[in-house]
Amino acid sequence: MAGCNFYQSGSKIQAHQDPFYYNQALYFDYWGYTDSYGIPRTYLGFAWLSSTGILYDEYGNALNELEDGPAPTDIIAEAAKTERKTIQHVGQALATKYSSAGNVLSADQGVKIAKTLNFWAKIGKDRARTDADIALMSERLYGIKADRAKSALTAALAERSLKPLEELNVDVASHWATTPEVSQRILKSWYKQELERNGAL
């Protein structure tokens, strides 16, 4: 039934067991959800929100459990602490995911990227994003001007080729202090659906 995230045995449902799993897509965002006890919670990271109303993390786990211990008295401080820990976790996971022999994304760079993505997600929750926000985000995240990034993406879609993005990728790699191979893998992962939809991949 809608909103149900436990089997009769008491075990939690996994994403691949969700009736809407075929339509799943992971997105990085600052998510809000309600846990099994009806308490509002937040989650920063890659997740999928099913049509059933259940939010799953990138590992397919339903995000609905209450943390052990008494409820904190300082909710704002606790939320900030949790956010910092999550950013650290996401950043380190990003570095691990995209590092391989000879191609490394440092944990510090991963955390910096996670902080920037968190900043972007929070702006979108509080208000409409402006052109100034987009320009700031582009320089913080990619180290390049927004109009240059937009031109490269537009050219890639128009030419059905990754060449314009590959040329831009060299500067992104430099900004992330990594190799072009690593930054290319990250960018392809982030924009894969849009590029496939427009025939660039």
N, C-alpha and C. Protein backbone atom coordinates (compact mmCIF):
# COMPACT_ATOMS: atom_id res chain seq x y z
N MET A 1 0.86 -1.20 0.00
CA MET A 1 0.00 0.00 0.00
C MET A 1 0.89 1.25 0.00
N ALA A 2 0.32 2.36 -0.43
CA ALA A 2 1.09 3.60 -0.51
C ALA A 2 1.66 3.97 0.85
N GLY A 3 2.96 4.31 0.87
CA GLY A 3 3.60 4.73 2.11
C GLY A 3 4.09 3.58 2.97
N CYS A 4 3.75 2.34 2.63
CA CYS A 4 4.16 1.18 3.42
C CYS A 4 5.62 0.85 3.10
N ASN A 5 6.46 0.77 4.12
CA ASN A 5 7.86 0.49 3.88
C ASN A 5 8.38 -0.70 4.69
N PHE A 6 7.47 -1.48 5.25
CA PHE A 6 7.85 -2.69 5.97
C PHE A 6 7.02 -3.87 5.48
N TYR A 7 7.66 -5.05 5.47
CA TYR A 7 6.90 -6.26 5.21
C TYR A 7 6.26 -6.72 6.52
N GLN A 8 5.34 -7.66 6.44
CA GLN A 8 4.67 -8.18 7.62
C GLN A 8 5.67 -8.78 8.61
N SER A 9 6.80 -9.30 8.08
CA SER A 9 7.82 -9.91 8.94
C SER A 9 8.60 -8.87 9.74
N GLY A 10 8.48 -7.59 9.35
CA GLY A 10 9.22 -6.54 10.04
C GLY A 10 10.43 -6.06 9.28
N SER A 11 10.82 -6.74 8.21
CA SER A 11 11.96 -6.31 7.41
C SER A 11 11.56 -5.13 6.53
N LYS A 12 12.53 -4.25 6.28
CA LYS A 12 12.26 -3.06 5.47
C LYS A 12 12.33 -3.37 3.99
N ILE A 13 11.52 -2.69 3.23
CA ILE A 13 11.54 -2.84 1.77
C ILE A 13 12.80 -2.21 1.21
N GLN A 14 13.32 -2.80 0.13
CA GLN A 14 14.46 -2.26 -0.59
C GLN A 14 13.96 -1.65 -1.91
N ALA A 15 14.74 -0.74 -2.47
CA ALA A 15 14.31 -0.02 -3.68
C ALA A 15 13.91 -0.97 -4.80
N HIS A 16 14.70 -2.04 -5.01
CA HIS A 16 14.40 -2.93 -6.13
C HIS A 16 13.10 -3.71 -5.94
N GLN A 17 12.56 -3.68 -4.71
CA GLN A 17 11.30 -4.36 -4.43
C GLN A 17 10.10 -3.41 -4.54
N ASP A 18 10.39 -2.14 -4.76
CA ASP A 18 9.32 -1.14 -4.86
C ASP A 18 8.57 -1.33 -6.19
N PRO A 19 7.25 -1.23 -6.17
CA PRO A 19 6.48 -1.43 -7.40
C PRO A 19 6.78 -0.41 -8.50
N PHE A 20 7.39 0.73 -8.13
CA PHE A 20 7.70 1.75 -9.12
C PHE A 20 9.20 1.81 -9.43
N TYR A 21 9.94 0.76 -9.07
CA TYR A 21 11.39 0.74 -9.24
C TYR A 21 11.81 0.94 -10.69
N TYR A 22 11.02 0.45 -11.63
CA TYR A 22 11.38 0.57 -13.05
C TYR A 22 11.52 2.03 -13.48
N ASN A 23 10.91 2.93 -12.72
CA ASN A 23 10.91 4.35 -13.08
C ASN A 23 11.87 5.15 -12.20
N GLN A 24 12.78 4.44 -11.53
CA GLN A 24 13.64 5.12 -10.56
C GLN A 24 14.76 5.90 -11.23
N ALA A 25 15.13 7.03 -10.64
CA ALA A 25 16.26 7.85 -11.09
C ALA A 25 16.82 8.56 -9.87
N LEU A 26 18.13 8.45 -9.66
CA LEU A 26 18.76 9.07 -8.50
C LEU A 26 19.09 10.53 -8.79
N TYR A 27 18.85 11.39 -7.79
CA TYR A 27 19.18 12.79 -7.90
C TYR A 27 19.85 13.25 -6.61
N PHE A 28 20.80 14.16 -6.74
CA PHE A 28 21.43 14.75 -5.56
C PHE A 28 20.59 15.94 -5.14
N ASP A 29 20.15 15.93 -3.89
CA ASP A 29 19.31 17.03 -3.42
C ASP A 29 19.30 17.04 -1.90
N TYR A 30 18.66 18.06 -1.34
CA TYR A 30 18.43 18.16 0.09
C TYR A 30 16.98 17.73 0.30
N TRP A 31 16.78 16.46 0.63
CA TRP A 31 15.46 15.85 0.64
C TRP A 31 14.75 16.01 1.99
N GLY A 32 13.43 16.10 1.93
CA GLY A 32 12.61 16.06 3.13
C GLY A 32 11.72 14.83 3.07
N TYR A 33 11.58 14.13 4.18
CA TYR A 33 10.73 12.95 4.22
C TYR A 33 10.22 12.73 5.64
N THR A 34 9.27 11.84 5.80
CA THR A 34 8.72 11.51 7.11
C THR A 34 9.11 10.09 7.46
N ASP A 35 9.69 9.88 8.65
CA ASP A 35 10.15 8.55 9.00
C ASP A 35 8.98 7.68 9.47
N SER A 36 9.31 6.46 9.89
CA SER A 36 8.28 5.49 10.27
C SER A 36 7.47 5.93 11.48
N TYR A 37 7.99 6.89 12.24
CA TYR A 37 7.30 7.35 13.43
C TYR A 37 6.54 8.66 13.21
N GLY A 38 6.51 9.09 11.94
CA GLY A 38 5.79 10.31 11.62
C GLY A 38 6.58 11.57 11.88
N ILE A 39 7.88 11.45 12.08
CA ILE A 39 8.73 12.60 12.38
C ILE A 39 9.39 13.11 11.10
N PRO A 40 9.31 14.42 10.83
CA PRO A 40 9.94 14.98 9.63
C PRO A 40 11.46 14.85 9.72
N ARG A 41 12.09 14.43 8.63
CA ARG A 41 13.53 14.26 8.58
C ARG A 41 14.06 14.91 7.30
N THR A 42 15.38 15.10 7.25
CA THR A 42 16.02 15.60 6.03
C THR A 42 17.18 14.68 5.67
N TYR A 43 17.52 14.67 4.39
CA TYR A 43 18.63 13.84 3.91
C TYR A 43 19.31 14.56 2.76
N LEU A 44 20.64 14.66 2.84
CA LEU A 44 21.42 15.28 1.78
C LEU A 44 22.18 14.19 1.05
N GLY A 45 21.97 14.09 -0.24
CA GLY A 45 22.70 13.09 -1.02
C GLY A 45 21.90 12.60 -2.20
N PHE A 46 22.40 11.57 -2.84
CA PHE A 46 21.70 10.97 -3.97
C PHE A 46 20.57 10.09 -3.44
N ALA A 47 19.39 10.26 -3.98
CA ALA A 47 18.24 9.49 -3.53
C ALA A 47 17.20 9.41 -4.63
N TRP A 48 16.23 8.53 -4.40
CA TRP A 48 15.10 8.36 -5.31
C TRP A 48 13.82 8.39 -4.50
N LEU A 49 12.88 9.25 -4.90
CA LEU A 49 11.58 9.34 -4.24
C LEU A 49 10.57 8.57 -5.08
N SER A 50 10.08 7.47 -4.52
CA SER A 50 9.12 6.64 -5.23
C SER A 50 7.74 7.28 -5.23
N SER A 51 6.90 6.88 -6.16
CA SER A 51 5.52 7.35 -6.20
C SER A 51 4.75 6.88 -4.97
N THR A 52 5.30 5.91 -4.24
CA THR A 52 4.66 5.45 -3.01
C THR A 52 4.89 6.43 -1.87
N GLY A 53 5.80 7.39 -2.07
CA GLY A 53 6.12 8.34 -1.03
C GLY A 53 7.32 7.94 -0.20
N ILE A 54 7.94 6.81 -0.52
CA ILE A 54 9.12 6.34 0.20
C ILE A 54 10.37 6.89 -0.47
N LEU A 55 11.28 7.42 0.36
CA LEU A 55 12.55 7.95 -0.15
C LEU A 55 13.64 6.90 0.08
N TYR A 56 14.36 6.56 -1.00
CA TYR A 56 15.43 5.57 -0.92
C TYR A 56 16.78 6.25 -1.16
N ASP A 57 17.79 5.84 -0.38
CA ASP A 57 19.12 6.40 -0.62
C ASP A 57 19.78 5.68 -1.80
N GLU A 58 21.03 6.07 -2.12
CA GLU A 58 21.69 5.52 -3.32
C GLU A 58 21.97 4.03 -3.21
N TYR A 59 21.87 3.49 -1.98
CA TYR A 59 22.10 2.06 -1.79
C TYR A 59 20.80 1.25 -1.80
N GLY A 60 19.68 1.95 -2.04
CA GLY A 60 18.39 1.26 -2.11
C GLY A 60 17.69 1.10 -0.78
N ASN A 61 18.20 1.74 0.27
CA ASN A 61 17.58 1.62 1.59
C ASN A 61 16.47 2.65 1.78
N ALA A 62 15.34 2.22 2.34
CA ALA A 62 14.25 3.13 2.63
C ALA A 62 14.66 4.01 3.81
N LEU A 63 14.57 5.33 3.64
CA LEU A 63 14.99 6.25 4.70
C LEU A 63 13.80 6.53 5.62
N ASN A 64 13.69 5.72 6.65
CA ASN A 64 12.52 5.87 7.50
C ASN A 64 12.77 5.51 8.95
N GLU A 65 14.01 5.18 9.30
CA GLU A 65 14.27 4.75 10.67
C GLU A 65 14.59 5.93 11.57
N LEU A 66 14.20 5.82 12.80
CA LEU A 66 14.49 6.82 13.81
C LEU A 66 15.86 6.52 14.40
N GLU A 67 16.70 7.54 14.57
CA GLU A 67 18.01 7.31 15.17
C GLU A 67 17.86 6.89 16.63
N ASP A 68 18.79 6.08 17.11
CA ASP A 68 18.76 5.64 18.50
C ASP A 68 19.00 6.82 19.43
N GLY A 69 18.49 6.71 20.64
CA GLY A 69 18.72 7.73 21.65
C GLY A 69 17.60 8.75 21.71
N PRO A 70 17.61 9.60 22.72
CA PRO A 70 16.56 10.60 22.90
C PRO A 70 16.61 11.68 21.84
N ALA A 71 15.48 12.31 21.62
CA ALA A 71 15.41 13.39 20.63
C ALA A 71 16.26 14.56 21.12
N PRO A 72 17.06 15.20 20.25
CA PRO A 72 17.91 16.31 20.66
C PRO A 72 17.10 17.52 21.07
N THR A 73 17.60 18.26 22.04
CA THR A 73 16.90 19.46 22.50
C THR A 73 17.17 20.63 21.57
N ASP A 74 18.36 20.67 21.00
CA ASP A 74 18.71 21.74 20.08
C ASP A 74 18.59 21.21 18.65
N ILE A 75 17.40 21.28 18.08
CA ILE A 75 17.12 20.71 16.76
C ILE A 75 17.97 21.36 15.68
N ILE A 76 18.11 22.68 15.72
CA ILE A 76 18.86 23.39 14.69
C ILE A 76 20.33 22.98 14.71
N ALA A 77 20.92 22.92 15.91
CA ALA A 77 22.32 22.52 16.03
C ALA A 77 22.51 21.08 15.58
N GLU A 78 21.56 20.23 15.93
CA GLU A 78 21.65 18.83 15.54
C GLU A 78 21.55 18.67 14.03
N ALA A 79 20.64 19.45 13.42
CA ALA A 79 20.47 19.39 11.97
C ALA A 79 21.75 19.86 11.27
N ALA A 80 22.36 20.92 11.78
CA ALA A 80 23.60 21.43 11.19
C ALA A 80 24.72 20.41 11.32
N LYS A 81 24.77 19.75 12.48
CA LYS A 81 25.79 18.73 12.70
C LYS A 81 25.60 17.56 11.73
N THR A 82 24.34 17.14 11.58
CA THR A 82 24.02 16.04 10.66
C THR A 82 24.37 16.42 9.22
N GLU A 83 24.07 17.67 8.87
CA GLU A 83 24.37 18.15 7.52
C GLU A 83 25.86 18.11 7.24
N ARG A 84 26.66 18.57 8.20
CA ARG A 84 28.11 18.56 8.03
C ARG A 84 28.65 17.13 7.87
N LYS A 85 28.13 16.23 8.70
CA LYS A 85 28.56 14.83 8.62
C LYS A 85 28.17 14.22 7.27
N THR A 86 26.98 14.58 6.80
CA THR A 86 26.50 14.03 5.52
C THR A 86 27.35 14.55 4.37
N ILE A 87 27.69 15.83 4.41
CA ILE A 87 28.53 16.41 3.36
C ILE A 87 29.88 15.72 3.33
N GLN A 88 30.45 15.47 4.50
CA GLN A 88 31.72 14.76 4.57
C GLN A 88 31.59 13.36 3.98
N HIS A 89 30.52 12.67 4.34
CA HIS A 89 30.29 11.31 3.85
C HIS A 89 30.12 11.30 2.33
N VAL A 90 29.28 12.21 1.82
CA VAL A 90 29.02 12.27 0.38
C VAL A 90 30.29 12.63 -0.37
N GLY A 91 31.05 13.58 0.15
CA GLY A 91 32.29 13.99 -0.51
C GLY A 91 33.30 12.87 -0.57
N GLN A 92 33.47 12.15 0.53
CA GLN A 92 34.42 11.03 0.56
C GLN A 92 33.95 9.89 -0.34
N ALA A 93 32.63 9.66 -0.36
CA ALA A 93 32.08 8.61 -1.22
C ALA A 93 32.28 8.97 -2.69
N LEU A 94 32.14 10.26 -3.01
CA LEU A 94 32.35 10.73 -4.38
C LEU A 94 33.80 10.50 -4.80
N ALA A 95 34.73 10.83 -3.90
CA ALA A 95 36.14 10.64 -4.19
C ALA A 95 36.47 9.16 -4.40
N THR A 96 35.90 8.32 -3.56
CA THR A 96 36.15 6.87 -3.68
C THR A 96 35.57 6.32 -4.97
N LYS A 97 34.36 6.75 -5.29
CA LYS A 97 33.66 6.24 -6.46
C LYS A 97 34.40 6.54 -7.76
N TYR A 98 34.99 7.73 -7.85
CA TYR A 98 35.58 8.13 -9.12
C TYR A 98 37.11 8.07 -9.15
N SER A 99 37.71 7.48 -8.13
CA SER A 99 39.15 7.31 -8.14
C SER A 99 39.51 5.90 -8.58
N SER A 100 40.56 5.80 -9.35
CA SER A 100 41.07 4.50 -9.79
C SER A 100 42.57 4.64 -9.96
N ALA A 101 43.22 3.58 -10.33
CA ALA A 101 44.68 3.60 -10.46
C ALA A 101 45.13 4.72 -11.40
N GLY A 102 45.90 5.64 -10.84
CA GLY A 102 46.44 6.73 -11.66
C GLY A 102 45.47 7.88 -11.89
N ASN A 103 44.22 7.73 -11.49
CA ASN A 103 43.21 8.78 -11.67
C ASN A 103 42.51 9.00 -10.33
N VAL A 104 42.90 10.05 -9.64
CA VAL A 104 42.44 10.24 -8.27
C VAL A 104 41.68 11.56 -8.10
N LEU A 105 40.55 11.47 -7.39
CA LEU A 105 39.85 12.65 -6.90
C LEU A 105 40.04 12.63 -5.39
N SER A 106 40.68 13.65 -4.83
CA SER A 106 40.97 13.64 -3.40
C SER A 106 39.69 13.78 -2.58
N ALA A 107 39.77 13.31 -1.34
CA ALA A 107 38.62 13.42 -0.43
C ALA A 107 38.27 14.88 -0.18
N ASP A 108 39.31 15.73 -0.08
CA ASP A 108 39.06 17.17 0.14
C ASP A 108 38.29 17.78 -1.02
N GLN A 109 38.66 17.40 -2.25
CA GLN A 109 37.95 17.91 -3.42
C GLN A 109 36.53 17.36 -3.46
N GLY A 110 36.37 16.09 -3.09
CA GLY A 110 35.04 15.50 -3.05
C GLY A 110 34.13 16.23 -2.09
N VAL A 111 34.67 16.58 -0.92
CA VAL A 111 33.89 17.33 0.08
C VAL A 111 33.56 18.73 -0.43
N LYS A 112 34.52 19.36 -1.12
CA LYS A 112 34.27 20.69 -1.68
C LYS A 112 33.13 20.65 -2.70
N ILE A 113 33.13 19.62 -3.54
CA ILE A 113 32.05 19.45 -4.53
C ILE A 113 30.72 19.23 -3.82
N ALA A 114 30.72 18.38 -2.79
CA ALA A 114 29.49 18.09 -2.03
C ALA A 114 28.95 19.35 -1.36
N LYS A 115 29.84 20.19 -0.83
CA LYS A 115 29.41 21.45 -0.20
C LYS A 115 28.74 22.36 -1.21
N THR A 116 29.33 22.43 -2.41
CA THR A 116 28.76 23.29 -3.45
C THR A 116 27.39 22.78 -3.89
N LEU A 117 27.26 21.46 -4.05
CA LEU A 117 25.97 20.88 -4.43
C LEU A 117 24.94 21.09 -3.34
N ASN A 118 25.37 21.03 -2.10
CA ASN A 118 24.46 21.27 -0.98
C ASN A 118 23.98 22.72 -0.98
N PHE A 119 24.89 23.62 -1.22
CA PHE A 119 24.56 25.05 -1.33
C PHE A 119 23.50 25.27 -2.41
N TRP A 120 23.70 24.63 -3.56
CA TRP A 120 22.77 24.75 -4.68
C TRP A 120 21.40 24.18 -4.33
N ALA A 121 21.39 23.02 -3.68
CA ALA A 121 20.13 22.39 -3.32
C ALA A 121 19.35 23.23 -2.32
N LYS A 122 20.04 23.83 -1.36
CA LYS A 122 19.38 24.62 -0.32
C LYS A 122 18.78 25.91 -0.89
N ILE A 123 19.49 26.51 -1.85
CA ILE A 123 18.94 27.70 -2.49
C ILE A 123 17.61 27.37 -3.15
N GLY A 124 17.57 26.24 -3.84
CA GLY A 124 16.35 25.83 -4.54
C GLY A 124 15.19 25.55 -3.61
N LYS A 125 15.49 25.21 -2.34
CA LYS A 125 14.43 24.95 -1.37
C LYS A 125 13.88 26.26 -0.80
N ASP A 126 14.74 27.26 -0.69
CA ASP A 126 14.35 28.52 -0.04
C ASP A 126 13.69 29.52 -0.99
N ARG A 127 14.12 29.51 -2.25
CA ARG A 127 13.62 30.51 -3.20
C ARG A 127 13.95 30.08 -4.62
N ALA A 128 13.44 30.85 -5.57
CA ALA A 128 13.76 30.56 -6.98
C ALA A 128 15.21 30.94 -7.25
N ARG A 129 15.91 30.10 -7.98
CA ARG A 129 17.30 30.38 -8.31
C ARG A 129 17.39 31.46 -9.39
N THR A 130 18.33 32.36 -9.23
CA THR A 130 18.50 33.48 -10.17
C THR A 130 19.68 33.20 -11.11
N ASP A 131 19.81 34.06 -12.12
CA ASP A 131 20.95 33.96 -13.04
C ASP A 131 22.26 34.16 -12.27
N ALA A 132 22.22 35.03 -11.27
CA ALA A 132 23.42 35.27 -10.45
C ALA A 132 23.79 34.01 -9.67
N ASP A 133 22.77 33.28 -9.19
CA ASP A 133 23.02 32.02 -8.48
C ASP A 133 23.69 31.01 -9.42
N ILE A 134 23.18 30.93 -10.65
CA ILE A 134 23.71 30.00 -11.64
C ILE A 134 25.16 30.34 -11.96
N ALA A 135 25.44 31.63 -12.10
CA ALA A 135 26.81 32.07 -12.41
C ALA A 135 27.76 31.71 -11.26
N LEU A 136 27.31 31.96 -10.02
CA LEU A 136 28.13 31.65 -8.85
C LEU A 136 28.34 30.15 -8.72
N MET A 137 27.28 29.38 -8.95
CA MET A 137 27.36 27.93 -8.86
C MET A 137 28.36 27.37 -9.89
N SER A 138 28.30 27.88 -11.10
CA SER A 138 29.18 27.40 -12.16
C SER A 138 30.64 27.62 -11.80
N GLU A 139 30.95 28.80 -11.28
CA GLU A 139 32.34 29.09 -10.94
C GLU A 139 32.79 28.30 -9.73
N ARG A 140 31.90 28.14 -8.75
CA ARG A 140 32.26 27.37 -7.55
C ARG A 140 32.44 25.89 -7.86
N LEU A 141 31.52 25.34 -8.66
CA LEU A 141 31.54 23.90 -8.92
C LEU A 141 32.53 23.51 -10.01
N TYR A 142 32.50 24.23 -11.11
CA TYR A 142 33.31 23.84 -12.27
C TYR A 142 34.56 24.70 -12.48
N GLY A 143 34.59 25.87 -11.87
CA GLY A 143 35.72 26.77 -12.09
C GLY A 143 35.67 27.46 -13.43
N ILE A 144 34.49 27.54 -14.02
CA ILE A 144 34.32 28.18 -15.33
C ILE A 144 33.08 29.07 -15.30
N LYS A 145 33.03 30.00 -16.24
CA LYS A 145 31.89 30.90 -16.34
C LYS A 145 30.65 30.14 -16.82
N ALA A 146 29.49 30.54 -16.32
CA ALA A 146 28.24 29.86 -16.65
C ALA A 146 27.95 29.91 -18.15
N ASP A 147 28.19 31.06 -18.78
CA ASP A 147 27.88 31.17 -20.21
C ASP A 147 28.77 30.25 -21.05
N ARG A 148 29.99 30.04 -20.59
CA ARG A 148 30.89 29.12 -21.31
C ARG A 148 30.41 27.67 -21.17
N ALA A 149 29.97 27.31 -19.96
CA ALA A 149 29.45 25.95 -19.73
C ALA A 149 28.19 25.72 -20.55
N LYS A 150 27.31 26.71 -20.58
CA LYS A 150 26.07 26.59 -21.34
C LYS A 150 26.34 26.46 -22.83
N SER A 151 27.30 27.22 -23.32
CA SER A 151 27.64 27.16 -24.74
C SER A 151 28.18 25.79 -25.12
N ALA A 152 29.01 25.22 -24.24
CA ALA A 152 29.59 23.90 -24.51
C ALA A 152 28.52 22.82 -24.52
N LEU A 153 27.58 22.89 -23.56
CA LEU A 153 26.50 21.90 -23.49
C LEU A 153 25.58 22.03 -24.71
N THR A 154 25.27 23.28 -25.08
CA THR A 154 24.42 23.51 -26.25
C THR A 154 25.07 22.98 -27.51
N ALA A 155 26.37 23.22 -27.65
CA ALA A 155 27.09 22.74 -28.82
C ALA A 155 27.14 21.21 -28.86
N ALA A 156 27.31 20.60 -27.68
CA ALA A 156 27.36 19.13 -27.61
C ALA A 156 26.03 18.52 -28.06
N LEU A 157 24.94 19.14 -27.63
CA LEU A 157 23.62 18.64 -28.00
C LEU A 157 23.34 18.87 -29.48
N ALA A 158 23.74 20.04 -29.98
CA ALA A 158 23.49 20.37 -31.38
C ALA A 158 24.32 19.49 -32.32
N GLU A 159 25.55 19.22 -31.93
CA GLU A 159 26.45 18.43 -32.77
C GLU A 159 26.33 16.93 -32.51
N ARG A 160 25.52 16.57 -31.45
CA ARG A 160 25.42 15.16 -31.03
C ARG A 160 26.80 14.57 -30.83
N SER A 161 27.63 15.35 -30.14
CA SER A 161 29.02 14.95 -29.92
C SER A 161 29.48 15.47 -28.55
N LEU A 162 30.38 14.74 -27.93
CA LEU A 162 30.92 15.16 -26.63
C LEU A 162 32.15 16.06 -26.76
N LYS A 163 32.60 16.31 -27.98
CA LYS A 163 33.83 17.07 -28.18
C LYS A 163 33.82 18.44 -27.49
N PRO A 164 32.73 19.25 -27.62
CA PRO A 164 32.74 20.55 -26.94
C PRO A 164 32.89 20.41 -25.42
N LEU A 165 32.29 19.36 -24.85
CA LEU A 165 32.40 19.14 -23.40
C LEU A 165 33.78 18.61 -23.03
N GLU A 166 34.37 17.82 -23.91
CA GLU A 166 35.71 17.30 -23.65
C GLU A 166 36.73 18.42 -23.58
N GLU A 167 36.55 19.43 -24.42
CA GLU A 167 37.45 20.57 -24.41
C GLU A 167 37.30 21.37 -23.11
N LEU A 168 36.06 21.52 -22.68
CA LEU A 168 35.79 22.22 -21.43
C LEU A 168 36.27 21.42 -20.23
N ASN A 169 36.23 20.12 -20.36
CA ASN A 169 36.55 19.20 -19.28
C ASN A 169 37.96 19.38 -18.73
N VAL A 170 38.89 19.80 -19.58
CA VAL A 170 40.27 19.99 -19.15
C VAL A 170 40.33 21.03 -18.03
N ASP A 171 39.57 22.11 -18.17
CA ASP A 171 39.57 23.16 -17.16
C ASP A 171 38.84 22.72 -15.89
N VAL A 172 37.78 21.92 -16.06
CA VAL A 172 37.06 21.39 -14.90
C VAL A 172 37.99 20.49 -14.10
N ALA A 173 38.74 19.64 -14.79
CA ALA A 173 39.69 18.74 -14.12
C ALA A 173 40.73 19.54 -13.33
N SER A 174 41.19 20.63 -13.91
CA SER A 174 42.17 21.47 -13.23
C SER A 174 41.57 22.08 -11.97
N HIS A 175 40.31 22.52 -12.06
CA HIS A 175 39.62 23.12 -10.91
C HIS A 175 39.44 22.10 -9.78
N TRP A 176 39.21 20.85 -10.15
CA TRP A 176 39.02 19.78 -9.16
C TRP A 176 40.33 19.11 -8.77
N ALA A 177 41.45 19.60 -9.32
CA ALA A 177 42.78 19.04 -9.02
C ALA A 177 42.82 17.53 -9.28
N THR A 178 42.27 17.15 -10.41
CA THR A 178 42.25 15.73 -10.78
C THR A 178 42.59 15.59 -12.25
N THR A 179 42.46 14.41 -12.78
CA THR A 179 42.76 14.17 -14.20
C THR A 179 41.50 14.37 -15.05
N PRO A 180 41.67 14.67 -16.33
CA PRO A 180 40.50 14.80 -17.21
C PRO A 180 39.67 13.53 -17.27
N GLU A 181 40.29 12.38 -17.06
CA GLU A 181 39.56 11.11 -17.07
C GLU A 181 38.54 11.06 -15.94
N VAL A 182 38.95 11.52 -14.76
CA VAL A 182 38.05 11.51 -13.60
C VAL A 182 36.90 12.50 -13.78
N SER A 183 37.24 13.74 -14.15
CA SER A 183 36.19 14.75 -14.31
C SER A 183 35.23 14.38 -15.43
N GLN A 184 35.75 13.75 -16.49
CA GLN A 184 34.88 13.33 -17.59
C GLN A 184 33.88 12.28 -17.11
N ARG A 185 34.35 11.32 -16.31
CA ARG A 185 33.44 10.29 -15.78
C ARG A 185 32.34 10.92 -14.93
N ILE A 186 32.71 11.90 -14.12
CA ILE A 186 31.72 12.56 -13.25
C ILE A 186 30.70 13.32 -14.09
N LEU A 187 31.17 14.11 -15.05
CA LEU A 187 30.26 14.91 -15.87
C LEU A 187 29.34 14.04 -16.70
N LYS A 188 29.88 12.95 -17.26
CA LYS A 188 29.05 12.03 -18.03
C LYS A 188 27.96 11.43 -17.15
N SER A 189 28.32 11.11 -15.91
CA SER A 189 27.36 10.53 -14.98
C SER A 189 26.26 11.53 -14.64
N TRP A 190 26.63 12.78 -14.38
CA TRP A 190 25.66 13.80 -14.00
C TRP A 190 24.72 14.17 -15.14
N TYR A 191 25.25 14.21 -16.35
CA TYR A 191 24.46 14.69 -17.49
C TYR A 191 24.09 13.58 -18.48
N LYS A 192 24.26 12.33 -18.04
CA LYS A 192 24.02 11.19 -18.93
C LYS A 192 22.62 11.18 -19.52
N GLN A 193 21.60 11.36 -18.67
CA GLN A 193 20.21 11.28 -19.16
C GLN A 193 19.92 12.38 -20.19
N GLU A 194 20.38 13.57 -19.92
CA GLU A 194 20.12 14.68 -20.84
C GLU A 194 20.85 14.47 -22.17
N LEU A 195 22.09 13.99 -22.10
CA LEU A 195 22.85 13.77 -23.33
C LEU A 195 22.28 12.60 -24.14
N GLU A 196 21.87 11.53 -23.44
CA GLU A 196 21.26 10.39 -24.14
C GLU A 196 19.94 10.79 -24.77
N ARG A 197 19.18 11.59 -24.05
CA ARG A 197 17.87 12.01 -24.56
C ARG A 197 18.02 12.84 -25.83
N ASN A 198 19.13 13.56 -25.93
CA ASN A 198 19.34 14.41 -27.11
C ASN A 198 20.31 13.81 -28.11
N GLY A 199 20.70 12.54 -27.89
CA GLY A 199 21.52 11.84 -28.87
C GLY A 199 22.98 12.18 -28.86
N ALA A 200 23.48 12.82 -27.79
CA ALA A 200 24.91 13.15 -27.74
C ALA A 200 25.73 11.97 -27.24
N LEU A 201 25.06 10.98 -26.66
CA LEU A 201 25.76 9.77 -26.18
C LEU A 201 25.24 8.57 -26.95
